Amino acid sequence: MKVKFTTSDREFQKQMKSIDKDVNDRLGREAYHYFRGQTPIDQGYARRNTEYKSKRDVKEIIADYPYSERLNTGWSQQAPRGMVKPTIEFIKKRVQEMIGKNNG
């Protein structure tokens, strides 16, 4: 028995673009929530002033408060590694999980 699957390049590219957009959007939101979770909390100002922006292919996590740089360089004992480095590691791990690879 023979099984044949055919698709046009155009349709394939359209489907891949759709999958890429969905994965990108989901990963961006997950990274934002992870970043906020890594943000030290005292009175909650830093977490409240961290936002996520998504424009086409650009995803941004914006920590908009005066001491964000200090927090990111380990100023707080709650986040000695800051927020950016752990978030990048989280993204790398999630990408590996999403594509089904295990680096362990």
PDB file of N, CA and C in Angstrom:
ATOM      1  N   MET A   1       0.843  -1.173   0.000  1.00  0.00           N
ATOM      2  CA  MET A   1       0.000   0.000   0.000  1.00  0.00           C
ATOM      3  C   MET A   1       0.892   1.242   0.000  1.00  0.00           C
ATOM      4  N   LYS A   2       0.521   2.196  -0.770  1.00  0.00           N
ATOM      5  CA  LYS A   2       1.284   3.418  -0.922  1.00  0.00           C
ATOM      6  C   LYS A   2       0.476   4.582  -0.341  1.00  0.00           C
ATOM      7  N   VAL A   3       1.155   5.410   0.420  1.00  0.00           N
ATOM      8  CA  VAL A   3       0.532   6.611   0.965  1.00  0.00           C
ATOM      9  C   VAL A   3       1.234   7.804   0.348  1.00  0.00           C
ATOM     10  N   LYS A   4       0.451   8.704  -0.145  1.00  0.00           N
ATOM     11  CA  LYS A   4       1.032   9.864  -0.798  1.00  0.00           C
ATOM     12  C   LYS A   4       0.464  11.131  -0.154  1.00  0.00           C
ATOM     13  N   PHE A   5       1.353  12.058   0.119  1.00  0.00           N
ATOM     14  CA  PHE A   5       0.952  13.328   0.707  1.00  0.00           C
ATOM     15  C   PHE A   5       1.507  14.425  -0.186  1.00  0.00           C
ATOM     16  N   THR A   6       0.649  15.318  -0.605  1.00  0.00           N
ATOM     17  CA  THR A   6       1.081  16.391  -1.488  1.00  0.00           C
ATOM     18  C   THR A   6       0.592  17.733  -0.952  1.00  0.00           C
ATOM     19  N   THR A   7       1.474  18.701  -1.026  1.00  0.00           N
ATOM     20  CA  THR A   7       1.089  20.063  -0.664  1.00  0.00           C
ATOM     21  C   THR A   7       1.885  21.025  -1.531  1.00  0.00           C
ATOM     22  N   SER A   8       1.318  22.155  -1.778  1.00  0.00           N
ATOM     23  CA  SER A   8       2.040  23.132  -2.589  1.00  0.00           C
ATOM     24  C   SER A   8       3.026  23.896  -1.702  1.00  0.00           C
ATOM     25  N   ASP A   9       4.065  24.414  -2.305  1.00  0.00           N
ATOM     26  CA  ASP A   9       5.030  25.218  -1.553  1.00  0.00           C
ATOM     27  C   ASP A   9       4.339  26.406  -0.907  1.00  0.00           C
ATOM     28  N   ARG A  10       3.439  26.999  -1.638  1.00  0.00           N
ATOM     29  CA  ARG A  10       2.733  28.177  -1.132  1.00  0.00           C
ATOM     30  C   ARG A  10       1.910  27.831   0.108  1.00  0.00           C
ATOM     31  N   GLU A  11       1.182  26.740   0.044  1.00  0.00           N
ATOM     32  CA  GLU A  11       0.351  26.318   1.181  1.00  0.00           C
ATOM     33  C   GLU A  11       1.229  25.906   2.366  1.00  0.00           C
ATOM     34  N   PHE A  12       2.312  25.215   2.076  1.00  0.00           N
ATOM     35  CA  PHE A  12       3.238  24.801   3.129  1.00  0.00           C
ATOM     36  C   PHE A  12       3.818  26.021   3.833  1.00  0.00           C
ATOM     37  N   GLN A  13       4.280  27.003   3.072  1.00  0.00           N
ATOM     38  CA  GLN A  13       4.845  28.226   3.648  1.00  0.00           C
ATOM     39  C   GLN A  13       3.802  28.969   4.483  1.00  0.00           C
ATOM     40  N   LYS A  14       2.579  28.984   4.021  1.00  0.00           N
ATOM     41  CA  LYS A  14       1.491  29.640   4.758  1.00  0.00           C
ATOM     42  C   LYS A  14       1.272  28.943   6.101  1.00  0.00           C
ATOM     43  N   GLN A  15       1.254  27.623   6.097  1.00  0.00           N
ATOM     44  CA  GLN A  15       1.063  26.863   7.333  1.00  0.00           C
ATOM     45  C   GLN A  15       2.246  27.048   8.283  1.00  0.00           C
ATOM     46  N   MET A  16       3.456  27.037   7.760  1.00  0.00           N
ATOM     47  CA  MET A  16       4.640  27.221   8.589  1.00  0.00           C
ATOM     48  C   MET A  16       4.657  28.616   9.221  1.00  0.00           C
ATOM     49  N   LYS A  17       4.249  29.607   8.459  1.00  0.00           N
ATOM     50  CA  LYS A  17       4.184  30.971   8.981  1.00  0.00           C
ATOM     51  C   LYS A  17       3.174  31.062  10.116  1.00  0.00           C
ATOM     52  N   SER A  18       2.055  30.380   9.969  1.00  0.00           N
ATOM     53  CA  SER A  18       1.018  30.363  10.994  1.00  0.00           C
ATOM     54  C   SER A  18       1.528  29.679  12.263  1.00  0.00           C
ATOM     55  N   ILE A  19       2.208  28.557  12.101  1.00  0.00           N
ATOM     56  CA  ILE A  19       2.769  27.832  13.241  1.00  0.00           C
ATOM     57  C   ILE A  19       3.823  28.693  13.928  1.00  0.00           C
ATOM     58  N   ASP A  20       4.691  29.301  13.141  1.00  0.00           N
ATOM     59  CA  ASP A  20       5.743  30.157  13.682  1.00  0.00           C
ATOM     60  C   ASP A  20       5.145  31.309  14.486  1.00  0.00           C
ATOM     61  N   LYS A  21       4.109  31.931  13.974  1.00  0.00           N
ATOM     62  CA  LYS A  21       3.469  33.052  14.676  1.00  0.00           C
ATOM     63  C   LYS A  21       2.881  32.574  16.000  1.00  0.00           C
ATOM     64  N   ASP A  22       2.186  31.445  15.983  1.00  0.00           N
ATOM     65  CA  ASP A  22       1.593  30.919  17.207  1.00  0.00           C
ATOM     66  C   ASP A  22       2.656  30.596  18.262  1.00  0.00           C
ATOM     67  N   VAL A  23       3.719  29.934  17.840  1.00  0.00           N
ATOM     68  CA  VAL A  23       4.792  29.565  18.766  1.00  0.00           C
ATOM     69  C   VAL A  23       5.478  30.815  19.291  1.00  0.00           C
ATOM     70  N   ASN A  24       5.763  31.759  18.401  1.00  0.00           N
ATOM     71  CA  ASN A  24       6.411  33.010  18.789  1.00  0.00           C
ATOM     72  C   ASN A  24       5.577  33.775  19.811  1.00  0.00           C
ATOM     73  N   ASP A  25       4.282  33.886  19.557  1.00  0.00           N
ATOM     74  CA  ASP A  25       3.395  34.603  20.478  1.00  0.00           C
ATOM     75  C   ASP A  25       3.346  33.908  21.835  1.00  0.00           C
ATOM     76  N   ARG A  26       3.191  32.607  21.822  1.00  0.00           N
ATOM     77  CA  ARG A  26       3.123  31.846  23.080  1.00  0.00           C
ATOM     78  C   ARG A  26       4.437  31.958  23.855  1.00  0.00           C
ATOM     79  N   LEU A  27       5.552  31.807  23.157  1.00  0.00           N
ATOM     80  CA  LEU A  27       6.853  31.887  23.806  1.00  0.00           C
ATOM     81  C   LEU A  27       7.096  33.281  24.376  1.00  0.00           C
ATOM     82  N   GLY A  28       6.692  34.298  23.660  1.00  0.00           N
ATOM     83  CA  GLY A  28       6.842  35.662  24.152  1.00  0.00           C
ATOM     84  C   GLY A  28       6.067  35.895  25.442  1.00  0.00           C
ATOM     85  N   ARG A  29       4.834  35.430  25.480  1.00  0.00           N
ATOM     86  CA  ARG A  29       4.009  35.586  26.690  1.00  0.00           C
ATOM     87  C   ARG A  29       4.588  34.772  27.849  1.00  0.00           C
ATOM     88  N   GLU A  30       5.039  33.556  27.568  1.00  0.00           N
ATOM     89  CA  GLU A  30       5.638  32.724  28.615  1.00  0.00           C
ATOM     90  C   GLU A  30       6.901  33.390  29.175  1.00  0.00           C
ATOM     91  N   ALA A  31       7.723  33.937  28.288  1.00  0.00           N
ATOM     92  CA  ALA A  31       8.957  34.604  28.722  1.00  0.00           C
ATOM     93  C   ALA A  31       8.630  35.821  29.581  1.00  0.00           C
ATOM     94  N   TYR A  32       7.605  36.556  29.214  1.00  0.00           N
ATOM     95  CA  TYR A  32       7.187  37.721  30.002  1.00  0.00           C
ATOM     96  C   TYR A  32       6.770  37.294  31.409  1.00  0.00           C
ATOM     97  N   HIS A  33       5.954  36.272  31.504  1.00  0.00           N
ATOM     98  CA  HIS A  33       5.506  35.811  32.825  1.00  0.00           C
ATOM     99  C   HIS A  33       6.683  35.278  33.648  1.00  0.00           C
ATOM    100  N   TYR A  34       7.604  34.613  32.979  1.00  0.00           N
ATOM    101  CA  TYR A  34       8.788  34.111  33.681  1.00  0.00           C
ATOM    102  C   TYR A  34       9.626  35.289  34.191  1.00  0.00           C
ATOM    103  N   PHE A  35       9.866  36.277  33.336  1.00  0.00           N
ATOM    104  CA  PHE A  35      10.646  37.459  33.699  1.00  0.00           C
ATOM    105  C   PHE A  35      10.024  38.156  34.913  1.00  0.00           C
ATOM    106  N   ARG A  36       8.722  38.352  34.871  1.00  0.00           N
ATOM    107  CA  ARG A  36       8.033  38.995  36.003  1.00  0.00           C
ATOM    108  C   ARG A  36       8.181  38.161  37.264  1.00  0.00           C
ATOM    109  N   GLY A  37       8.128  36.848  37.127  1.00  0.00           N
ATOM    110  CA  GLY A  37       8.300  35.974  38.276  1.00  0.00           C
ATOM    111  C   GLY A  37       9.705  36.038  38.864  1.00  0.00           C
ATOM    112  N   GLN A  38      10.685  36.368  38.025  1.00  0.00           N
ATOM    113  CA  GLN A  38      12.064  36.505  38.480  1.00  0.00           C
ATOM    114  C   GLN A  38      12.326  37.875  39.104  1.00  0.00           C
ATOM    115  N   THR A  39      11.429  38.810  38.849  1.00  0.00           N
ATOM    116  CA  THR A  39      11.600  40.176  39.358  1.00  0.00           C
ATOM    117  C   THR A  39      11.368  40.197  40.868  1.00  0.00           C
ATOM    118  N   PRO A  40      12.355  40.706  41.610  1.00  0.00           N
ATOM    119  CA  PRO A  40      12.193  40.784  43.071  1.00  0.00           C
ATOM    120  C   PRO A  40      10.951  41.599  43.446  1.00  0.00           C
ATOM    121  N   ILE A  41      10.359  41.232  44.562  1.00  0.00           N
ATOM    122  CA  ILE A  41       9.163  41.945  44.991  1.00  0.00           C
ATOM    123  C   ILE A  41       9.338  42.449  46.419  1.00  0.00           C
ATOM    124  N   ASP A  42       9.112  43.726  46.569  1.00  0.00           N
ATOM    125  CA  ASP A  42       9.093  44.354  47.888  1.00  0.00           C
ATOM    126  C   ASP A  42       7.678  44.911  48.058  1.00  0.00           C
ATOM    127  N   GLN A  43       7.401  45.983  47.343  1.00  0.00           N
ATOM    128  CA  GLN A  43       6.053  46.550  47.362  1.00  0.00           C
ATOM    129  C   GLN A  43       5.310  46.283  46.059  1.00  0.00           C
ATOM    130  N   GLY A  44       5.960  45.624  45.106  1.00  0.00           N
ATOM    131  CA  GLY A  44       5.308  45.259  43.849  1.00  0.00           C
ATOM    132  C   GLY A  44       5.466  46.269  42.726  1.00  0.00           C
ATOM    133  N   TYR A  45       6.170  47.359  42.975  1.00  0.00           N
ATOM    134  CA  TYR A  45       6.321  48.407  41.966  1.00  0.00           C
ATOM    135  C   TYR A  45       7.015  47.881  40.704  1.00  0.00           C
ATOM    136  N   ALA A  46       8.091  47.137  40.881  1.00  0.00           N
ATOM    137  CA  ALA A  46       8.849  46.630  39.731  1.00  0.00           C
ATOM    138  C   ALA A  46       7.990  45.701  38.878  1.00  0.00           C
ATOM    139  N   ARG A  47       7.285  44.793  39.491  1.00  0.00           N
ATOM    140  CA  ARG A  47       6.436  43.869  38.722  1.00  0.00           C
ATOM    141  C   ARG A  47       5.294  44.603  38.033  1.00  0.00           C
ATOM    142  N   ARG A  48       4.712  45.567  38.709  1.00  0.00           N
ATOM    143  CA  ARG A  48       3.609  46.331  38.103  1.00  0.00           C
ATOM    144  C   ARG A  48       4.076  47.170  36.921  1.00  0.00           C
ATOM    145  N   ASN A  49       5.347  47.533  36.917  1.00  0.00           N
ATOM    146  CA  ASN A  49       5.871  48.377  35.847  1.00  0.00           C
ATOM    147  C   ASN A  49       6.719  47.606  34.845  1.00  0.00           C
ATOM    148  N   THR A  50       6.446  46.329  34.734  1.00  0.00           N
ATOM    149  CA  THR A  50       7.053  45.490  33.703  1.00  0.00           C
ATOM    150  C   THR A  50       5.939  45.130  32.736  1.00  0.00           C
ATOM    151  N   GLU A  51       6.177  45.386  31.460  1.00  0.00           N
ATOM    152  CA  GLU A  51       5.134  45.134  30.469  1.00  0.00           C
ATOM    153  C   GLU A  51       5.654  44.331  29.282  1.00  0.00           C
ATOM    154  N   TYR A  52       4.717  43.797  28.539  1.00  0.00           N
ATOM    155  CA  TYR A  52       5.020  42.983  27.367  1.00  0.00           C
ATOM    156  C   TYR A  52       4.401  43.656  26.154  1.00  0.00           C
ATOM    157  N   LYS A  53       5.197  43.810  25.110  1.00  0.00           N
ATOM    158  CA  LYS A  53       4.697  44.377  23.857  1.00  0.00           C
ATOM    159  C   LYS A  53       5.018  43.412  22.726  1.00  0.00           C
ATOM    160  N   SER A  54       4.044  43.209  21.881  1.00  0.00           N
ATOM    161  CA  SER A  54       4.216  42.317  20.746  1.00  0.00           C
ATOM    162  C   SER A  54       3.795  43.053  19.479  1.00  0.00           C
ATOM    163  N   LYS A  55       4.759  43.239  18.593  1.00  0.00           N
ATOM    164  CA  LYS A  55       4.502  43.893  17.313  1.00  0.00           C
ATOM    165  C   LYS A  55       5.087  43.018  16.220  1.00  0.00           C
ATOM    166  N   ARG A  56       4.253  42.441  15.430  1.00  0.00           N
ATOM    167  CA  ARG A  56       4.688  41.544  14.350  1.00  0.00           C
ATOM    168  C   ARG A  56       5.716  40.538  14.833  1.00  0.00           C
ATOM    169  N   ASP A  57       6.957  40.671  14.390  1.00  0.00           N
ATOM    170  CA  ASP A  57       7.997  39.712  14.752  1.00  0.00           C
ATOM    171  C   ASP A  57       8.811  40.136  15.970  1.00  0.00           C
ATOM    172  N   VAL A  58       8.482  41.273  16.563  1.00  0.00           N
ATOM    173  CA  VAL A  58       9.256  41.790  17.684  1.00  0.00           C
ATOM    174  C   VAL A  58       8.469  41.631  18.978  1.00  0.00           C
ATOM    175  N   LYS A  59       9.085  40.963  19.922  1.00  0.00           N
ATOM    176  CA  LYS A  59       8.497  40.783  21.259  1.00  0.00           C
ATOM    177  C   LYS A  59       9.399  41.524  22.232  1.00  0.00           C
ATOM    178  N   GLU A  60       8.806  42.336  23.089  1.00  0.00           N
ATOM    179  CA  GLU A  60       9.593  43.110  24.037  1.00  0.00           C
ATOM    180  C   GLU A  60       9.059  42.940  25.454  1.00  0.00           C
ATOM    181  N   ILE A  61       9.989  42.774  26.371  1.00  0.00           N
ATOM    182  CA  ILE A  61       9.673  42.819  27.794  1.00  0.00           C
ATOM    183  C   ILE A  61      10.342  44.086  28.294  1.00  0.00           C
ATOM    184  N   ILE A  62       9.550  44.986  28.813  1.00  0.00           N
ATOM    185  CA  ILE A  62      10.068  46.290  29.205  1.00  0.00           C
ATOM    186  C   ILE A  62       9.922  46.468  30.711  1.00  0.00           C
ATOM    187  N   ALA A  63      11.059  46.606  31.381  1.00  0.00           N
ATOM    188  CA  ALA A  63      11.088  46.877  32.817  1.00  0.00           C
ATOM    189  C   ALA A  63      11.289  48.382  32.956  1.00  0.00           C
ATOM    190  N   ASP A  64      10.195  49.095  33.171  1.00  0.00           N
ATOM    191  CA  ASP A  64      10.223  50.557  33.142  1.00  0.00           C
ATOM    192  C   ASP A  64      10.092  51.137  34.544  1.00  0.00           C
ATOM    193  N   TYR A  65      11.202  51.111  35.260  1.00  0.00           N
ATOM    194  CA  TYR A  65      11.263  51.725  36.582  1.00  0.00           C
ATOM    195  C   TYR A  65      12.717  52.112  36.822  1.00  0.00           C
ATOM    196  N   PRO A  66      12.960  53.108  37.668  1.00  0.00           N
ATOM    197  CA  PRO A  66      14.301  53.686  37.804  1.00  0.00           C
ATOM    198  C   PRO A  66      15.411  52.714  38.202  1.00  0.00           C
ATOM    199  N   TYR A  67      15.103  51.675  38.925  1.00  0.00           N
ATOM    200  CA  TYR A  67      16.151  50.786  39.433  1.00  0.00           C
ATOM    201  C   TYR A  67      16.184  49.434  38.714  1.00  0.00           C
ATOM    202  N   SER A  68      15.619  49.367  37.529  1.00  0.00           N
ATOM    203  CA  SER A  68      15.585  48.093  36.786  1.00  0.00           C
ATOM    204  C   SER A  68      16.988  47.572  36.478  1.00  0.00           C
ATOM    205  N   GLU A  69      17.897  48.470  36.119  1.00  0.00           N
ATOM    206  CA  GLU A  69      19.272  48.048  35.820  1.00  0.00           C
ATOM    207  C   GLU A  69      19.939  47.441  37.056  1.00  0.00           C
ATOM    208  N   ARG A  70      19.730  48.067  38.203  1.00  0.00           N
ATOM    209  CA  ARG A  70      20.327  47.528  39.439  1.00  0.00           C
ATOM    210  C   ARG A  70      19.761  46.145  39.754  1.00  0.00           C
ATOM    211  N   LEU A  71      18.443  45.985  39.631  1.00  0.00           N
ATOM    212  CA  LEU A  71      17.851  44.672  39.898  1.00  0.00           C
ATOM    213  C   LEU A  71      18.406  43.627  38.939  1.00  0.00           C
ATOM    214  N   ASN A  72      18.588  44.028  37.686  1.00  0.00           N
ATOM    215  CA  ASN A  72      19.070  43.071  36.692  1.00  0.00           C
ATOM    216  C   ASN A  72      20.544  42.714  36.871  1.00  0.00           C
ATOM    217  N   THR A  73      21.277  43.503  37.628  1.00  0.00           N
ATOM    218  CA  THR A  73      22.696  43.184  37.853  1.00  0.00           C
ATOM    219  C   THR A  73      22.925  42.531  39.211  1.00  0.00           C
ATOM    220  N   GLY A  74      21.848  42.047  39.836  1.00  0.00           N
ATOM    221  CA  GLY A  74      21.998  41.280  41.062  1.00  0.00           C
ATOM    222  C   GLY A  74      21.936  42.078  42.349  1.00  0.00           C
ATOM    223  N   TRP A  75      21.429  43.288  42.303  1.00  0.00           N
ATOM    224  CA  TRP A  75      21.340  44.167  43.471  1.00  0.00           C
ATOM    225  C   TRP A  75      20.474  43.570  44.575  1.00  0.00           C
ATOM    226  N   SER A  76      19.447  42.816  44.196  1.00  0.00           N
ATOM    227  CA  SER A  76      18.539  42.223  45.177  1.00  0.00           C
ATOM    228  C   SER A  76      18.929  40.775  45.479  1.00  0.00           C
ATOM    229  N   GLN A  77      18.887  40.421  46.753  1.00  0.00           N
ATOM    230  CA  GLN A  77      19.156  39.036  47.135  1.00  0.00           C
ATOM    231  C   GLN A  77      18.076  38.100  46.599  1.00  0.00           C
ATOM    232  N   GLN A  78      16.900  38.633  46.293  1.00  0.00           N
ATOM    233  CA  GLN A  78      15.823  37.805  45.740  1.00  0.00           C
ATOM    234  C   GLN A  78      16.128  37.353  44.314  1.00  0.00           C
ATOM    235  N   ALA A  79      16.946  38.121  43.608  1.00  0.00           N
ATOM    236  CA  ALA A  79      17.298  37.786  42.223  1.00  0.00           C
ATOM    237  C   ALA A  79      18.785  38.065  42.005  1.00  0.00           C
ATOM    238  N   PRO A  80      19.658  37.267  42.602  1.00  0.00           N
ATOM    239  CA  PRO A  80      21.094  37.539  42.488  1.00  0.00           C
ATOM    240  C   PRO A  80      21.624  37.440  41.052  1.00  0.00           C
ATOM    241  N   ARG A  81      20.893  36.751  40.183  1.00  0.00           N
ATOM    242  CA  ARG A  81      21.297  36.634  38.774  1.00  0.00           C
ATOM    243  C   ARG A  81      20.541  37.614  37.886  1.00  0.00           C
ATOM    244  N   GLY A  82      19.750  38.484  38.510  1.00  0.00           N
ATOM    245  CA  GLY A  82      18.951  39.419  37.736  1.00  0.00           C
ATOM    246  C   GLY A  82      17.741  38.734  37.132  1.00  0.00           C
ATOM    247  N   MET A  83      17.195  39.317  36.066  1.00  0.00           N
ATOM    248  CA  MET A  83      16.019  38.758  35.413  1.00  0.00           C
ATOM    249  C   MET A  83      16.289  38.343  33.964  1.00  0.00           C
ATOM    250  N   VAL A  84      17.141  39.088  33.282  1.00  0.00           N
ATOM    251  CA  VAL A  84      17.363  38.827  31.860  1.00  0.00           C
ATOM    252  C   VAL A  84      18.050  37.487  31.623  1.00  0.00           C
ATOM    253  N   LYS A  85      19.150  37.229  32.298  1.00  0.00           N
ATOM    254  CA  LYS A  85      19.895  35.980  32.074  1.00  0.00           C
ATOM    255  C   LYS A  85      19.029  34.742  32.350  1.00  0.00           C
ATOM    256  N   PRO A  86      18.330  34.667  33.496  1.00  0.00           N
ATOM    257  CA  PRO A  86      17.465  33.507  33.717  1.00  0.00           C
ATOM    258  C   PRO A  86      16.345  33.397  32.676  1.00  0.00           C
ATOM    259  N   THR A  87      15.850  34.539  32.197  1.00  0.00           N
ATOM    260  CA  THR A  87      14.782  34.508  31.195  1.00  0.00           C
ATOM    261  C   THR A  87      15.305  33.988  29.866  1.00  0.00           C
ATOM    262  N   ILE A  88      16.508  34.375  29.493  1.00  0.00           N
ATOM    263  CA  ILE A  88      17.110  33.851  28.253  1.00  0.00           C
ATOM    264  C   ILE A  88      17.301  32.338  28.367  1.00  0.00           C
ATOM    265  N   GLU A  89      17.761  31.877  29.515  1.00  0.00           N
ATOM    266  CA  GLU A  89      17.912  30.433  29.726  1.00  0.00           C
ATOM    267  C   GLU A  89      16.561  29.731  29.641  1.00  0.00           C
ATOM    268  N   PHE A  90      15.538  30.343  30.205  1.00  0.00           N
ATOM    269  CA  PHE A  90      14.181  29.792  30.129  1.00  0.00           C
ATOM    270  C   PHE A  90      13.725  29.672  28.672  1.00  0.00           C
ATOM    271  N   ILE A  91      13.958  30.716  27.891  1.00  0.00           N
ATOM    272  CA  ILE A  91      13.549  30.703  26.480  1.00  0.00           C
ATOM    273  C   ILE A  91      14.266  29.587  25.735  1.00  0.00           C
ATOM    274  N   LYS A  92      15.567  29.463  25.944  1.00  0.00           N
ATOM    275  CA  LYS A  92      16.330  28.392  25.273  1.00  0.00           C
ATOM    276  C   LYS A  92      15.773  27.014  25.627  1.00  0.00           C
ATOM    277  N   LYS A  93      15.478  26.816  26.898  1.00  0.00           N
ATOM    278  CA  LYS A  93      14.929  25.535  27.349  1.00  0.00           C
ATOM    279  C   LYS A  93      13.562  25.277  26.715  1.00  0.00           C
ATOM    280  N   ARG A  94      12.712  26.299  26.681  1.00  0.00           N
ATOM    281  CA  ARG A  94      11.368  26.141  26.102  1.00  0.00           C
ATOM    282  C   ARG A  94      11.444  25.836  24.609  1.00  0.00           C
ATOM    283  N   VAL A  95      12.368  26.483  23.906  1.00  0.00           N
ATOM    284  CA  VAL A  95      12.520  26.216  22.472  1.00  0.00           C
ATOM    285  C   VAL A  95      12.912  24.761  22.270  1.00  0.00           C
ATOM    286  N   GLN A  96      13.843  24.271  23.073  1.00  0.00           N
ATOM    287  CA  GLN A  96      14.257  22.872  22.968  1.00  0.00           C
ATOM    288  C   GLN A  96      13.068  21.939  23.237  1.00  0.00           C
ATOM    289  N   GLU A  97      12.276  22.259  24.248  1.00  0.00           N
ATOM    290  CA  GLU A  97      11.090  21.456  24.548  1.00  0.00           C
ATOM    291  C   GLU A  97      10.094  21.488  23.401  1.00  0.00           C
ATOM    292  N   MET A  98       9.906  22.665  22.815  1.00  0.00           N
ATOM    293  CA  MET A  98       8.928  22.820  21.739  1.00  0.00           C
ATOM    294  C   MET A  98       9.315  22.050  20.487  1.00  0.00           C
ATOM    295  N   ILE A  99      10.621  21.961  20.221  1.00  0.00           N
ATOM    296  CA  ILE A  99      11.031  21.233  19.016  1.00  0.00           C
ATOM    297  C   ILE A  99      11.348  19.777  19.320  1.00  0.00           C
ATOM    298  N   GLY A 100      11.167  19.402  20.583  1.00  0.00           N
ATOM    299  CA  GLY A 100      11.293  17.998  20.946  1.00  0.00           C
ATOM    300  C   GLY A 100      12.695  17.508  21.155  1.00  0.00           C
ATOM    301  N   LYS A 101      13.600  18.403  21.466  1.00  0.00           N
ATOM    302  CA  LYS A 101      14.979  17.994  21.720  1.00  0.00           C
ATOM    303  C   LYS A 101      15.268  18.094  23.200  1.00  0.00           C
ATOM    304  N   ASN A 102      16.088  17.190  23.665  1.00  0.00           N
ATOM    305  CA  ASN A 102      16.468  17.190  25.071  1.00  0.00           C
ATOM    306  C   ASN A 102      17.983  17.258  25.142  1.00  0.00           C
ATOM    307  N   ASN A 103      18.489  18.317  25.753  1.00  0.00           N
ATOM    308  CA  ASN A 103      19.938  18.470  25.870  1.00  0.00           C
ATOM    309  C   ASN A 103      20.510  17.766  27.096  1.00  0.00           C
ATOM    310  N   GLY A 104      19.703  17.071  27.866  1.00  0.00           N
ATOM    311  CA  GLY A 104      20.191  16.448  29.107  1.00  0.00           C
ATOM    312  C   GLY A 104      20.811  15.180  28.918  1.00  0.00           C
TER     313      GLY A 104
END
